Amino acid sequence: MHKFGVWAPRAQKMSLKLVDRIATMKGPNKRGWWTLEVDDAGCGDRYAFLIDDDPTAYPDPRSMNQPDGVHAMSRLYDHSLFEWKDQLWRGSPKTGAVLYEVHIGTFSKEGTFDGAIPHLDYLADLGITHIELMPVNEFAGRRGWGYDGVALFAAHEPYGGPDGLKRFVDACHAKGLSVILDVVFNHFGPVGNYTNKFGPYLTEKHKTPWGDAVNLDEGGSDEVRRFFVDCALMWLRDYHCDGLRFDAVHEFIDRSAVHFMEQLSEEVERLSATLGREFYLIAESDLNDPRVVRPREAQGYGMDSQWSDDFHHSLFTILYTKEPGRGYYDDFGSMDDLHKSLKHAYVYDGKYSIYRKRRHGRPVEALSAHHFIHFDQNHDQVGNRAMGERLEHLCGIDKAKVAIGVVLMAPYVPMLFMGEEWATSSPFLYFADHEDEEMRVLVAEGRKRDFAQFFGDEVPNPEDMETFNKSKLNWDEIGEGKHAEMLAWTTALIKLRRCTVALNDGSMHHLMVSTDTLRKTLIMQREEARILVNFGEQPYSFDLLAGEKLCLVSRDEVTVKDNAIALPAMTLAVLMSTTEEMEDRLVH
C-alpha cells in the first residue's frame, strides 16, 4: 500500500493518475492537503496529479524521481532499497575543511555521478575534505548549471538519478570525503515549475531577480516552508549528504518572527543529534550581516559559514585591473580592502558603497574566521564572465599561484573551484539546454546582449552543445608543464595547512596583517607561520626574523641574504619560525 498526498489548497477537486488509471483523491483537509491510499502501488510506478478540470497531468511537487524530465509523470521511489556501506561515517570536521566546488556535468568525461567516482582518490590525495556539488536537483534539459531547478526533491536523471547520487556519496565517504550539496530555495526555474498551480508557493508581494519571491511569510507559508525544510532534511537523511549550501539567501524575503534560515538550522540540528552525524550549513549571502552565521543562541540564524565575496573582490581587483564594465568591482581595488577582508572578514561593514549607492553591512564581532569561506574562483566569478575565463587565463600562472596561496594560508575556510589547482585550460562557460525554441532564443540573445558592448557576436551561445563540451575538465593535461607546476604548488600548500596547527586557527585575534599600499606588499603573521606576498611589479626584500626558515615559495627566483629575503614581482613565500621558544611552545 502507498499513501499519496499533495498540498493543493487552490484546487476544488484533485485526482491521481497512476500508470493508466485515474482515481479521485480525498480532501482537502483544513491545511489544504489531499490524500489517497492505493493498495497495489509500488516502487517504479508512474503517477501524476489532475487539478480540477484541467486535462494535463502534472508531476508531484515533491517527486523523488523524474526519469522522463520535468514535464512528465513522476515515478515512485523507495529510499530504503539502497544498500549503504557508510554506516561508520560521521563526517569531516568543519573547522579544518578544505572545500572543492564541483559541477558534475563537466567534472568528468562522462558527466555523471559514476563518472566522477574514479577521481575521488585524486581529491583525497590532494587534501580535500569536503566536495561541494553544484545543484543536482531536476531541471529542464539534460545540461545546465542546476540553479533553475523545479523538481527539488529529485536527483537529475542525466547525472545518474537518485541511485547514482547515492553511489557517489557512498564512494566519497569511503575515501574520507564529505559531500555538501548546493540547494536553491530562493526561486524555481522558468521551465517546468508547476507548483503555483497547486498552492501559493510564490507571492506577488515580494520580488526577486527571478520574479515573484518564494512565499515565506504570507498565507500558506507554513506549508511552503515545510516543503523546503523537508527537502533539506531529505538530502541529509536519505542521501547521506554532509551539508548544504544555500544559494543567495539574501533573496529569502521573510518578515516572520522566526526567520526561515533559523528554522532550517534548528531542524537540521535536531536531525544531526538524532543520526549522530555532523552537518555543515553554508549560506551564500551578499548582506554582509553576521547574523547569518551567528549562533541562534546569540540571536543569529545559525548557519555555520558563508561565502566571502568581499575577499574575492578585493583579491581579484589587485590581480586583474583590466575588467570592463566593473560593476561591483568598482567598490574594490586597494591594498587596504584586501587588508580589511583578511583581518575583519567584511570590507563593507557599514561604510558607503559606490556600487550600491548606500551604506552596506555591519561589523563582524567575536566570530571565528571559520564562519567565512574564502576563494579566488567559483562557478559565479568564472562562469558569469562572457568567455568563462579562469584566473590563470586572465592573469597568468604567477598571479594564480599567489591567489591560491593567499586563500590557503589565510585563517578562513578555503574553497577551490574544480580544476584551478592545476590551472586547467578549460573555461567554465554558462550553458543551458532548453527544449522550447523560444526559450533557447531568449537565453542566447540575453547572454549576447549582456556582453555585446565588449565582445559583440563572439559570446558563446549557452544552448550550443559545444559551449558545454568546452567547459569539461581536461584531465589529460594534469601532469604537463604549468599544470603540473600548479598542482605541485597547491598540493604543498594544502599539506602545510593540514599539518600546521597555527594555519588551522580561526581566531582573528591571532592574525596579524600588514600591507604596504605603495609597494603592494602583504604580510600575514599566524604564530610560527609568516606569509609574505609581493603583489608589486618590482622585486621587494623583506626582513627575516630570528629563527625563520623558508618553507614554500611560489617562484624559484628568490634570494635569501643578509637577514633578508628578496621576492620577485608577484611571488608568495611561507616562512616558518624555528626558534627554541616557538618549538618549546609547540611541543607543549
Foldseek 3Di string as FASTA:
>chain_A
DDKDKAQFQPAPWKWKCKQHDIGTWDDDDPLRMTMDDDDPDDFFIWMFMDGHPDPQGAEGLQAAADQPALRGTGTHHDLVVDDFDLLVFFADDLLLAAEEEDEQQFAAPLSALVRCLVCLLVCLLLQHAEYEYQAQAGDADLDFRNQQAASLNWGHVNRPIDNSLLVNQRSNVVSNHAYEYEGELWDHHPPNHPVVNRHCQFDQVDADPVGTTGDCADPSNVVSLVSVLVSQVCCCPSSVHQEYEYEACVSQDHPDPQGSLLVSQVVVVVVCVVSVHHHAYEYEYPQQECLQCDPVVVVRSNHPAYEQVLLLLQLLLLQAVPDPPCQQNVQYRFVVSNLCCQLWVDSQAQDAGPNVRGRGHHTDPPDFLQRYEDENDECCVQAVDLLQDDPCNRRNLLQLLLRLLCQLQGQYHYYYYPPSLLPFPFGAYGADAHPDPVVQVVQQVVSCVVCCVPQNPPRDRRNDPVNSNSRRTDPVCCCDDSSVLSNVSSSLSSVCCSPDPLSSGRDSVQWDWDADRVQGKIWIDRQQKIKIWGQHQAKDKDAADPQKDWDDKSDDPWDDPDRIIIDGHSMMTMIGHDDPVSVVVVVD
